[in-house]
Amino acid sequence: MKRPTEDYMLRGWKIAAWVLIIMVGASLIPPVTIGGVKLRRANIYADLYRYEEHNTTPSDDDALFDATEFDFDLEAVSQQVEAVQLAQADTLPHEAPVEYRWVVCEHNTPREEVIINPARYSSRLTKIEDFSENQAIATFCDSLIEADRPIRIAVLGDSFIEGDILTADLRERLQSAFGGRGTGFAPMASPLTSFRRSIKTQSKGWTAYNVMQSKSVPAPYNEQFFVSGWVCRPSDGASTRWEETTFRKQLDSCSTARVLFRSPKQSRIRLILNDSLTQEYTIEASPKVRQAVVEAETIHALEFQLLEGAAEAVGYGAIFGDKGVVVDNYSVRSNNGQAIFRTNATINAEINALWSYDLVILQYGLNIMQAGVHKYTNYGQQIEKVITYCRQCFPSAAILVMGVSDRAIKSEAGVETMDAIPYMLDCQRTAARNQQAAFWSTFDAMQAEGGIREFVAKGWAGKDYTHINYGGGRKVGWALFDAINYEAAKAVERRNRRLEAAKPIIDSASHLNQTLEPLTAGTPTLEADKALISIH
């Protein structure tokens, strides 16, 4: 009898189906540890979707960063800054000048009176928590509404604000509310300049070094970093042209530009304003940081040329501003805050002496935070050192710590908020409290707009659920502006109360003057009486 022909194709499909069922079932089993060995998840669709495993080791932040990078002699920093301050006070006429000023047009228009607009740009107000005894944020806001000069803000951070993300919108709102024009600081040269839309930078003849690679930077340039994170080595004929843009309001022009550089040996520079007017200077040799200041009614483009004397010279960048608010973006990718200790405290202090900061904002922590890690005590202690360092280099500035932003991971339950965030926020808030600085929660501000998942859904953040883009930067920048504007409104109330309290005294003095005026008319003054007595 003939055996029936078997359907091998059907059998093959059945085997494949069972294998698939078994593998799908295995992929649902969470990671387990057997005999001290951790077994990974069997994820058959890893190319399409990846779970981010919660790493419960280390249990704290010991292994998340190199604490030796934060080792620094803060007493030595204090002495360096004090030496700069003494040198500023005791400058002799024969010393080489630190400033070369080119006044194309006097620009002494008084700053307009600030009128607070209570309207908010975010759905919910996230307030600033000021832990300082001297109420530094209140003092900053007093200057913000009253000072007839530039109000300078430095934002130090990592890739979260790279390319002027967040700071472009914070700057726009602050300048619209409190006056000011210009994009703030722009480096002399950097491979990242094309990414930044708030200013166009064209450089040639410069070698740019980043502070995160300072150990591989040739001497002496590795010891000359400013908090910008960039130091540029020129060749003769090196040049940089900056051009303002219309990426945000108030950026297309300004009235003052300051080019920062060092010239240990005599050099010669040329400035070209708006591609038409030219001015040249011979720079005397000096180890100090110099600035070439240009004042004009409209600065739309500026070019800096190093004609000769490139040996040992250093270029930092230019600051574009006006009366009102100037916001400088100092982003350094992969920086957890430790890079500031690779900068030169003397150079930081010298630049601050040329144009001092009113507020320094610190945005760090995103790179340190890790799922499953719930203790950041060690990192918090390092942030306290960063605050102390900034306070020494920029003594007139209030310090504001930005709490870490919202971040999510992919887990078995889907996309969920990283469990480490509350612990990092507590670490940063504690550091601010211990150092009597101020604190603002970026996480809370993002939660008010739906959190990082909503940001990604609306195209305001990348699909890594970590980094915001310009859309997300606008939302966070507006929320931070709301917090500052809220404090500025209180500063206006304080000013009005002072004026109201002083009004009776002023009215009384005015009345007394009017009363005495008829009595003194036509009679000798007290000095005249004394003169008559002395004659007789």
Protein backbone atom coordinates (compact mmCIF):
# COMPACT_ATOMS: atom_id res chain seq x y z
CA MET A 1 0.00 0.00 0.00
CA LYS A 2 1.36 3.40 -0.95
CA ARG A 3 2.07 5.81 1.94
CA PRO A 4 0.35 9.23 1.67
CA THR A 5 2.56 12.12 0.64
CA GLU A 6 3.44 14.38 3.64
CA ASP A 7 2.92 18.14 3.37
CA TYR A 8 6.41 19.28 4.46
CA MET A 9 5.58 22.93 3.73
CA LEU A 10 2.67 22.83 6.20
CA ARG A 11 4.90 21.17 8.80
CA GLY A 12 7.53 23.90 8.30
CA TRP A 13 4.94 26.62 8.85
CA LYS A 14 3.72 24.92 12.04
CA ILE A 15 7.28 24.69 13.42
CA ALA A 16 7.96 28.36 12.55
CA ALA A 17 4.73 29.40 14.26
CA TRP A 18 5.60 27.52 17.45
CA VAL A 19 9.13 28.99 17.48
CA LEU A 20 7.68 32.47 17.07
CA ILE A 21 5.18 31.90 19.90
CA ILE A 22 7.95 30.66 22.20
CA MET A 23 10.28 33.58 21.36
CA VAL A 24 7.53 36.17 21.82
CA GLY A 25 6.70 34.60 25.17
CA ALA A 26 10.38 34.67 26.17
CA SER A 27 10.63 38.34 25.22
CA LEU A 28 7.94 39.12 27.77
CA ILE A 29 10.00 37.68 30.61
CA PRO A 30 11.77 40.55 32.45
CA PRO A 31 15.54 40.40 33.11
CA VAL A 32 16.39 37.96 35.90
CA THR A 33 19.49 37.12 37.92
CA ILE A 34 20.42 33.43 38.35
CA GLY A 35 23.40 32.42 40.45
CA GLY A 36 24.65 35.99 40.53
CA VAL A 37 24.54 36.24 36.73
CA LYS A 38 22.16 38.80 35.24
CA LEU A 39 20.36 37.47 32.14
CA ARG A 40 19.27 40.00 29.56
CA ARG A 41 15.79 40.18 28.07
CA ALA A 42 15.27 38.05 24.91
CA ASN A 43 13.99 40.88 22.72
CA ILE A 44 13.30 39.54 19.22
CA TYR A 45 12.26 42.96 17.93
CA ALA A 46 15.17 44.92 19.35
CA ASP A 47 15.76 46.59 15.97
CA LEU A 48 12.29 48.12 16.18
CA TYR A 49 11.95 48.79 19.87
CA ARG A 50 14.35 48.76 22.80
CA TYR A 51 13.56 48.54 26.48
CA GLU A 52 15.77 50.71 28.62
CA GLU A 53 16.69 48.46 31.49
CA HIS A 54 16.63 49.95 34.98
CA ASN A 55 20.17 49.58 36.20
CA THR A 56 20.04 49.31 39.96
CA THR A 57 23.83 49.24 40.22
CA PRO A 58 25.46 51.46 41.20
CA SER A 59 23.02 52.32 43.95
CA ASP A 60 24.34 55.87 44.17
CA ASP A 61 26.26 58.34 42.02
CA ASP A 62 29.78 57.14 42.90
CA ALA A 63 30.34 55.50 39.51
CA LEU A 64 28.45 58.04 37.41
CA PHE A 65 31.18 60.67 37.30
CA ASP A 66 34.82 61.17 38.18
CA ALA A 67 34.82 63.20 41.38
CA THR A 68 38.52 64.02 40.91
CA GLU A 69 37.49 66.29 38.03
CA PHE A 70 35.81 68.50 40.61
CA ASP A 71 38.89 68.63 42.83
CA PHE A 72 40.01 72.23 42.92
CA ASP A 73 41.74 74.57 45.33
CA LEU A 74 39.00 77.14 45.87
CA GLU A 75 41.28 79.11 48.18
CA ALA A 76 43.73 79.54 45.28
CA VAL A 77 40.85 80.71 43.09
CA SER A 78 39.94 83.30 45.69
CA GLN A 79 43.51 84.58 45.74
CA GLN A 80 43.64 84.77 41.93
CA VAL A 81 40.39 86.75 41.76
CA GLU A 82 41.53 89.06 44.57
CA ALA A 83 44.75 89.75 42.65
CA VAL A 84 42.71 90.75 39.60
CA GLN A 85 40.55 93.09 41.70
CA LEU A 86 43.62 94.73 43.25
CA ALA A 87 45.19 95.14 39.82
CA GLN A 88 42.01 96.83 38.58
CA ALA A 89 42.11 99.25 41.51
CA ASP A 90 45.84 99.99 41.23
CA THR A 91 46.18 100.28 37.46
CA LEU A 92 48.95 102.73 36.58
CA PRO A 93 48.74 105.12 33.59
CA HIS A 94 51.83 103.65 31.92
CA GLU A 95 50.39 100.12 31.82
CA ALA A 96 49.13 98.77 28.51
CA PRO A 97 45.42 99.56 28.06
CA VAL A 98 42.89 96.74 28.39
CA GLU A 99 40.28 98.51 26.26
CA TYR A 100 40.41 99.94 22.74
CA ARG A 101 37.25 101.91 22.05
CA TRP A 102 35.92 102.86 18.62
CA VAL A 103 33.00 105.27 18.91
CA VAL A 104 31.35 105.58 15.52
CA CYS A 105 28.27 107.22 16.95
CA GLU A 106 27.41 108.25 20.52
CA HIS A 107 24.54 106.14 21.79
CA ASN A 108 23.46 107.58 25.11
CA THR A 109 19.70 107.22 24.80
CA PRO A 110 18.28 106.68 28.30
CA ARG A 111 16.69 103.33 28.93
CA GLU A 112 12.90 103.45 28.75
CA GLU A 113 10.91 102.99 31.94
CA VAL A 114 10.02 99.36 32.53
CA ILE A 115 6.30 98.60 32.68
CA ILE A 116 5.57 95.06 33.81
CA ASN A 117 3.16 93.06 31.68
CA PRO A 118 1.55 90.45 33.97
CA ALA A 119 0.61 88.18 31.03
CA ARG A 120 2.17 84.72 31.21
CA TYR A 121 3.56 82.64 28.38
CA SER A 122 3.32 79.27 30.15
CA SER A 123 0.23 77.47 31.40
CA ARG A 124 1.37 77.42 35.01
CA LEU A 125 3.87 79.54 36.93
CA THR A 126 6.96 77.75 38.26
CA LYS A 127 8.42 80.11 40.84
CA ILE A 128 12.07 80.75 41.67
CA GLU A 129 13.11 79.60 45.14
CA ASP A 130 15.69 82.03 46.54
CA PHE A 131 17.66 80.62 49.49
CA SER A 132 20.08 83.54 49.82
CA GLU A 133 20.04 85.65 52.97
CA ASN A 134 20.60 88.84 50.98
CA GLN A 135 17.76 88.03 48.55
CA ALA A 136 20.08 88.06 45.53
CA ILE A 137 17.28 87.45 43.01
CA ALA A 138 15.39 90.46 44.37
CA THR A 139 18.53 92.58 44.00
CA PHE A 140 18.96 91.34 40.44
CA CYS A 141 15.36 92.26 39.64
CA ASP A 142 15.84 95.73 41.13
CA SER A 143 18.63 96.24 38.58
CA LEU A 144 16.49 94.67 35.89
CA ILE A 145 13.81 97.34 36.23
CA GLU A 146 15.91 100.37 37.22
CA ALA A 147 19.54 100.23 36.02
CA ASP A 148 20.40 102.44 33.04
CA ARG A 149 23.04 100.01 31.75
CA PRO A 150 23.31 96.53 30.26
CA ILE A 151 21.98 93.74 32.52
CA ARG A 152 24.18 90.73 31.82
CA ILE A 153 23.04 87.15 32.26
CA ALA A 154 25.29 84.12 31.71
CA VAL A 155 23.73 80.69 31.16
CA LEU A 156 26.23 77.87 31.73
CA GLY A 157 25.08 74.43 30.65
CA ASP A 158 25.49 71.33 28.51
CA SER A 159 24.02 70.12 25.19
CA PHE A 160 20.51 70.83 26.50
CA ILE A 161 21.04 74.52 25.57
CA GLU A 162 23.50 74.02 22.72
CA GLY A 163 22.99 76.22 19.69
CA ASP A 164 21.14 78.84 21.78
CA ILE A 165 18.23 76.46 22.41
CA LEU A 166 16.14 77.83 25.31
CA THR A 167 18.38 80.90 25.75
CA ALA A 168 17.28 82.38 22.42
CA ASP A 169 13.67 82.50 23.61
CA LEU A 170 14.56 83.56 27.16
CA ARG A 171 16.61 86.40 25.64
CA GLU A 172 13.80 87.42 23.28
CA ARG A 173 11.22 87.65 26.04
CA LEU A 174 13.55 89.47 28.47
CA GLN A 175 14.64 92.00 25.85
CA SER A 176 11.07 92.59 24.72
CA ALA A 177 10.00 93.23 28.31
CA PHE A 178 13.02 95.03 29.77
CA GLY A 179 14.86 96.41 26.75
CA GLY A 180 18.03 95.37 25.02
CA ARG A 181 19.23 94.07 21.66
CA GLY A 182 21.83 91.65 20.37
CA THR A 183 22.66 87.97 20.67
CA GLY A 184 25.16 88.17 23.52
CA PHE A 185 28.32 86.08 23.37
CA ALA A 186 29.47 84.36 20.17
CA PRO A 187 32.79 82.46 20.08
CA MET A 188 35.67 83.46 17.81
CA ALA A 189 35.50 80.05 16.15
CA SER A 190 33.82 76.71 16.83
CA PRO A 191 32.73 73.67 14.80
CA LEU A 192 29.23 74.23 16.22
CA THR A 193 28.66 77.74 14.87
CA SER A 194 26.63 76.49 11.89
CA PHE A 195 24.16 74.91 14.32
CA ARG A 196 23.39 78.23 16.00
CA ARG A 197 20.71 80.26 14.21
CA SER A 198 20.78 83.41 16.34
CA ILE A 199 24.02 84.67 14.77
CA LYS A 200 26.08 83.83 11.68
CA THR A 201 29.79 83.26 12.27
CA GLN A 202 32.43 82.90 9.55
CA SER A 203 35.96 82.18 10.78
CA LYS A 204 39.26 81.44 9.11
CA GLY A 205 42.80 81.06 10.37
CA TRP A 206 41.74 79.91 13.86
CA THR A 207 42.26 76.58 15.61
CA ALA A 208 39.45 76.14 18.12
CA TYR A 209 39.97 74.08 21.28
CA ASN A 210 37.21 72.79 23.55
CA VAL A 211 37.55 72.75 27.33
CA MET A 212 36.31 69.14 27.52
CA GLN A 213 39.49 68.08 25.69
CA SER A 214 41.74 70.43 27.68
CA LYS A 215 44.23 67.66 28.52
CA SER A 216 45.05 67.24 24.84
CA VAL A 217 45.19 70.98 24.11
CA PRO A 218 48.76 72.25 23.55
CA ALA A 219 50.30 74.43 26.23
CA PRO A 220 49.82 77.25 27.08
CA TYR A 221 46.33 77.27 25.52
CA ASN A 222 45.07 74.54 27.85
CA GLU A 223 45.40 77.02 30.72
CA GLN A 224 43.58 79.92 29.10
CA PHE A 225 39.96 78.81 28.93
CA PHE A 226 37.09 81.14 29.75
CA VAL A 227 33.69 79.77 30.91
CA SER A 228 32.56 79.89 27.27
CA GLY A 229 34.41 76.58 26.87
CA TRP A 230 36.35 77.68 23.79
CA VAL A 231 39.80 79.12 23.28
CA CYS A 232 41.04 79.91 19.76
CA ARG A 233 44.63 79.91 18.50
CA PRO A 234 45.22 82.26 15.54
CA SER A 235 47.62 82.44 12.66
CA ASP A 236 48.59 85.81 11.16
CA GLY A 237 45.66 87.04 9.11
CA ALA A 238 43.07 85.12 11.13
CA SER A 239 39.62 86.68 10.98
CA THR A 240 36.06 86.25 12.18
CA ARG A 241 32.94 87.90 10.83
CA TRP A 242 29.75 87.92 12.91
CA GLU A 243 26.41 88.86 11.42
CA GLU A 244 23.23 89.36 13.43
CA THR A 245 20.07 87.57 12.26
CA THR A 246 16.29 87.80 12.50
CA PHE A 247 15.95 84.36 14.11
CA ARG A 248 14.33 86.03 17.11
CA LYS A 249 13.16 89.57 17.86
CA GLN A 250 15.76 92.17 18.87
CA LEU A 251 18.63 90.25 17.21
CA ASP A 252 19.03 92.02 13.86
CA SER A 253 21.27 94.77 15.30
CA CYS A 254 22.65 96.31 18.48
CA SER A 255 24.65 99.38 19.54
CA THR A 256 27.69 97.86 21.28
CA ALA A 257 30.04 94.99 20.44
CA ARG A 258 32.98 93.84 22.56
CA VAL A 259 35.66 91.57 21.09
CA LEU A 260 37.59 89.65 23.78
CA PHE A 261 41.16 88.49 23.17
CA ARG A 262 44.66 88.23 24.67
CA SER A 263 47.84 89.61 23.14
CA PRO A 264 50.89 88.73 25.28
CA LYS A 265 53.06 90.14 22.49
CA GLN A 266 52.49 93.27 20.44
CA SER A 267 49.94 92.79 17.68
CA ARG A 268 47.85 94.71 15.22
CA ILE A 269 44.11 94.28 14.68
CA ARG A 270 41.51 95.61 12.28
CA LEU A 271 37.78 96.05 12.90
CA ILE A 272 35.30 96.29 10.02
CA LEU A 273 31.84 97.58 10.87
CA ASN A 274 28.87 96.67 8.67
CA ASP A 275 31.28 95.72 5.86
CA SER A 276 32.14 99.38 5.26
CA LEU A 277 33.84 101.32 8.08
CA THR A 278 37.35 100.29 9.17
CA GLN A 279 39.50 100.95 12.23
CA GLU A 280 42.96 99.60 13.10
CA TYR A 281 44.79 99.41 16.44
CA THR A 282 48.28 98.52 17.55
CA ILE A 283 47.89 96.39 20.67
CA GLU A 284 50.63 96.72 23.26
CA ALA A 285 51.98 93.54 24.77
CA SER A 286 50.24 92.50 28.00
CA PRO A 287 49.14 89.22 29.61
CA LYS A 288 45.70 90.62 30.46
CA VAL A 289 42.47 90.02 28.59
CA ARG A 290 41.66 92.95 26.26
CA GLN A 291 38.49 94.15 24.66
CA ALA A 292 37.98 96.09 21.48
CA VAL A 293 34.72 97.99 21.96
CA VAL A 294 32.65 99.29 19.05
CA GLU A 295 29.81 101.74 19.65
CA ALA A 296 27.47 102.69 16.81
CA GLU A 297 23.81 103.40 16.27
CA THR A 298 23.47 100.14 14.34
CA ILE A 299 25.82 97.16 14.42
CA HIS A 300 24.55 94.53 12.02
CA ALA A 301 27.87 92.90 11.14
CA LEU A 302 31.36 93.08 12.62
CA GLU A 303 34.62 91.57 11.45
CA PHE A 304 37.73 91.15 13.57
CA GLN A 305 41.08 90.64 11.82
CA LEU A 306 44.41 89.84 13.44
CA LEU A 307 46.83 91.42 10.98
CA GLU A 308 50.06 90.50 12.80
CA GLY A 309 51.31 89.30 16.16
CA ALA A 310 49.59 85.91 16.28
CA ALA A 311 52.31 84.34 18.42
CA GLU A 312 50.78 83.43 21.80
CA ALA A 313 47.61 85.41 21.01
CA VAL A 314 44.24 84.01 22.05
CA GLY A 315 40.76 84.75 20.73
CA TYR A 316 37.63 84.24 22.83
CA GLY A 317 34.75 85.84 20.97
CA ALA A 318 32.48 88.86 20.88
CA ILE A 319 29.53 90.07 22.96
CA PHE A 320 26.72 91.90 21.17
CA GLY A 321 24.39 93.96 23.33
CA ASP A 322 22.73 97.19 24.28
CA LYS A 323 21.23 98.89 27.31
CA GLY A 324 18.77 96.44 28.74
CA VAL A 325 19.24 92.66 28.88
CA VAL A 326 22.15 90.71 27.39
CA VAL A 327 22.00 86.89 27.61
CA ASP A 328 25.20 84.92 26.97
CA ASN A 329 24.91 81.23 26.09
CA TYR A 330 27.87 79.19 27.38
CA SER A 331 26.94 75.63 26.46
CA VAL A 332 29.57 72.87 26.62
CA ARG A 333 28.50 69.45 25.38
CA SER A 334 28.87 66.54 27.87
CA ASN A 335 29.67 68.98 30.67
CA ASN A 336 28.38 67.96 34.11
CA GLY A 337 29.70 71.16 35.64
CA GLN A 338 33.25 69.87 36.07
CA ALA A 339 34.52 71.75 32.99
CA ILE A 340 34.33 75.05 34.84
CA PHE A 341 37.30 73.94 36.97
CA ARG A 342 39.36 73.60 33.80
CA THR A 343 38.86 77.29 33.08
CA ASN A 344 41.26 79.98 34.27
CA ALA A 345 39.88 81.88 37.26
CA THR A 346 42.07 84.90 36.49
CA ILE A 347 40.73 85.11 32.94
CA ASN A 348 37.14 84.69 34.17
CA ALA A 349 37.66 87.50 36.67
CA GLU A 350 39.37 89.77 34.13
CA ILE A 351 36.49 89.41 31.68
CA ASN A 352 33.98 89.94 34.48
CA ALA A 353 35.86 93.13 35.44
CA LEU A 354 35.41 94.44 31.90
CA TRP A 355 31.64 93.97 32.08
CA SER A 356 30.34 92.25 35.20
CA TYR A 357 27.53 89.72 35.35
CA ASP A 358 24.29 90.30 37.24
CA LEU A 359 22.99 86.72 37.07
CA VAL A 360 24.63 83.35 36.42
CA ILE A 361 22.31 80.43 35.61
CA LEU A 362 23.65 76.87 35.99
CA GLN A 363 22.00 74.12 33.89
CA TYR A 364 23.60 70.76 34.66
CA GLY A 365 22.75 67.23 35.81
CA LEU A 366 21.10 65.70 32.74
CA ASN A 367 24.21 63.69 31.83
CA ILE A 368 24.71 62.39 35.37
CA MET A 369 21.17 61.16 35.99
CA GLN A 370 20.61 57.43 35.47
CA ALA A 371 17.56 55.21 35.86
CA GLY A 372 17.57 53.26 39.08
CA VAL A 373 20.02 55.57 40.84
CA HIS A 374 18.31 57.33 43.74
CA LYS A 375 21.24 58.91 45.57
CA TYR A 376 23.14 61.94 44.25
CA THR A 377 24.74 63.23 47.44
CA ASN A 378 28.26 63.23 46.00
CA TYR A 379 27.22 65.07 42.86
CA GLY A 380 25.34 67.62 44.94
CA GLN A 381 28.55 68.39 46.81
CA GLN A 382 30.29 69.02 43.49
CA ILE A 383 27.53 71.39 42.38
CA GLU A 384 28.12 73.32 45.59
CA LYS A 385 31.75 73.74 44.51
CA VAL A 386 30.59 74.98 41.12
CA ILE A 387 28.40 77.59 42.82
CA THR A 388 31.30 78.70 45.01
CA TYR A 389 33.62 78.94 42.00
CA CYS A 390 31.11 81.04 40.05
CA ARG A 391 30.54 83.30 43.04
CA GLN A 392 34.28 83.91 43.33
CA CYS A 393 34.80 84.65 39.63
CA PHE A 394 31.58 86.68 39.28
CA PRO A 395 31.11 88.26 42.72
CA SER A 396 28.37 90.69 41.72
CA ALA A 397 26.14 87.98 40.22
CA ALA A 398 23.17 86.19 41.71
CA ILE A 399 23.40 82.40 41.16
CA LEU A 400 20.40 80.40 39.93
CA VAL A 401 20.50 76.59 39.73
CA MET A 402 18.17 75.11 37.12
CA GLY A 403 16.75 71.80 38.31
CA VAL A 404 17.12 68.93 35.85
CA SER A 405 14.64 68.70 32.98
CA ASP A 406 12.04 66.00 32.38
CA ARG A 407 13.32 62.77 30.85
CA ALA A 408 11.62 59.49 29.99
CA ILE A 409 12.68 55.91 29.27
CA LYS A 410 11.05 53.03 27.44
CA SER A 411 10.03 50.23 29.74
CA GLU A 412 7.60 47.30 29.81
CA ALA A 413 4.83 49.75 30.71
CA GLY A 414 5.69 51.99 27.76
CA VAL A 415 7.30 55.42 27.97
CA GLU A 416 7.58 56.53 31.58
CA THR A 417 9.28 59.30 33.52
CA MET A 418 12.76 58.37 34.71
CA ASP A 419 12.57 57.38 38.37
CA ALA A 420 15.82 59.22 39.21
CA ILE A 421 14.43 62.70 38.52
CA PRO A 422 12.99 63.51 42.00
CA TYR A 423 16.28 62.51 43.61
CA MET A 424 18.37 64.65 41.26
CA LEU A 425 16.04 67.60 41.83
CA ASP A 426 16.38 67.18 45.57
CA CYS A 427 20.17 67.05 45.21
CA GLN A 428 20.24 70.27 43.18
CA ARG A 429 17.78 72.10 45.42
CA THR A 430 19.82 71.09 48.48
CA ALA A 431 23.04 72.33 46.83
CA ALA A 432 21.38 75.69 46.14
CA ARG A 433 20.07 75.90 49.69
CA ASN A 434 23.43 75.01 51.24
CA GLN A 435 25.19 77.67 49.18
CA GLN A 436 22.45 80.28 49.58
CA ALA A 437 21.77 80.38 45.85
CA ALA A 438 18.42 80.27 44.03
CA PHE A 439 16.67 77.26 42.45
CA TRP A 440 14.19 76.82 39.59
CA SER A 441 12.68 73.47 38.57
CA THR A 442 12.88 72.87 34.83
CA PHE A 443 11.07 69.57 35.38
CA ASP A 444 8.04 71.29 36.93
CA ALA A 445 7.93 73.81 34.11
CA MET A 446 7.93 71.01 31.52
CA GLN A 447 5.28 69.06 33.44
CA ALA A 448 3.03 72.10 33.22
CA GLU A 449 3.14 71.67 29.44
CA GLY A 450 2.49 67.91 29.53
CA GLY A 451 6.01 66.67 30.23
CA ILE A 452 8.62 65.21 27.90
CA ARG A 453 6.15 62.76 26.32
CA GLU A 454 3.96 65.65 25.20
CA PHE A 455 7.05 67.52 24.01
CA VAL A 456 8.03 64.57 21.81
CA ALA A 457 4.46 64.13 20.54
CA LYS A 458 4.34 67.79 19.50
CA GLY A 459 7.80 67.75 17.93
CA TRP A 460 9.36 69.91 20.67
CA ALA A 461 11.92 67.26 21.70
CA GLY A 462 13.88 64.39 20.19
CA LYS A 463 12.70 60.81 20.32
CA ASP A 464 15.44 60.05 22.83
CA TYR A 465 12.97 61.61 25.30
CA THR A 466 15.86 63.66 26.68
CA HIS A 467 16.86 66.61 24.51
CA ILE A 468 14.53 69.44 23.59
CA ASN A 469 14.79 71.31 20.29
CA TYR A 470 14.03 74.95 19.49
CA GLY A 471 10.30 74.27 19.91
CA GLY A 472 10.81 72.82 23.36
CA GLY A 473 13.37 75.49 24.17
CA ARG A 474 10.74 78.13 23.49
CA LYS A 475 8.37 76.56 26.03
CA VAL A 476 11.02 76.20 28.74
CA GLY A 477 12.50 79.63 27.99
CA TRP A 478 9.07 81.23 28.29
CA ALA A 479 8.46 79.46 31.60
CA LEU A 480 11.75 80.75 33.00
CA PHE A 481 10.90 84.24 31.76
CA ASP A 482 7.55 84.03 33.56
CA ALA A 483 9.39 83.21 36.79
CA ILE A 484 11.78 86.16 36.37
CA ASN A 485 8.98 88.48 35.31
CA TYR A 486 7.02 87.49 38.42
CA GLU A 487 9.97 88.50 40.59
CA ALA A 488 10.40 91.72 38.58
CA ALA A 489 6.76 92.62 39.28
CA LYS A 490 7.50 92.32 42.99
CA ALA A 491 10.54 94.59 42.48
CA VAL A 492 8.25 97.21 40.93
CA GLU A 493 5.94 96.94 43.94
CA ARG A 494 8.91 97.46 46.29
CA ARG A 495 10.01 100.51 44.32
CA ASN A 496 6.53 101.99 44.38
CA ARG A 497 6.30 101.47 48.15
CA ARG A 498 9.64 103.24 48.62
CA LEU A 499 8.47 106.16 46.51
CA GLU A 500 5.19 106.32 48.40
CA ALA A 501 6.98 106.27 51.75
CA ALA A 502 9.34 109.03 50.64
CA LYS A 503 6.57 111.26 49.27
CA PRO A 504 5.61 112.95 52.63
CA ILE A 505 9.27 113.78 53.26
CA ILE A 506 9.68 115.23 49.78
CA ASP A 507 6.44 117.21 50.07
CA SER A 508 7.49 118.52 53.51
CA ALA A 509 10.89 119.61 52.19
CA SER A 510 9.27 121.31 49.22
CA HIS A 511 6.81 123.14 51.49
CA LEU A 512 9.64 124.27 53.78
CA ASN A 513 11.58 125.66 50.84
CA GLN A 514 8.54 127.60 49.66
CA THR A 515 8.00 128.98 53.21
CA LEU A 516 11.60 130.12 53.64
CA GLU A 517 11.89 131.63 50.18
CA PRO A 518 10.11 134.96 51.01
CA LEU A 519 12.08 135.34 54.23
CA THR A 520 15.43 134.99 52.52
CA ALA A 521 14.63 137.14 49.52
CA GLY A 522 16.74 140.32 49.54
CA THR A 523 18.62 139.34 52.74
CA PRO A 524 22.29 138.31 52.98
CA THR A 525 22.99 134.60 53.16
CA LEU A 526 24.75 133.05 56.12
CA GLU A 527 28.01 133.04 54.20
CA ALA A 528 27.47 136.69 53.27
CA ASP A 529 26.88 137.54 56.94
CA LYS A 530 30.12 135.88 57.88
CA ALA A 531 31.93 137.85 55.20
CA LEU A 532 30.50 141.15 56.46
CA ILE A 533 31.52 140.34 60.04
CA SER A 534 35.06 139.49 58.99
CA ILE A 535 35.41 142.79 57.05
CA HIS A 536 34.30 144.91 60.02
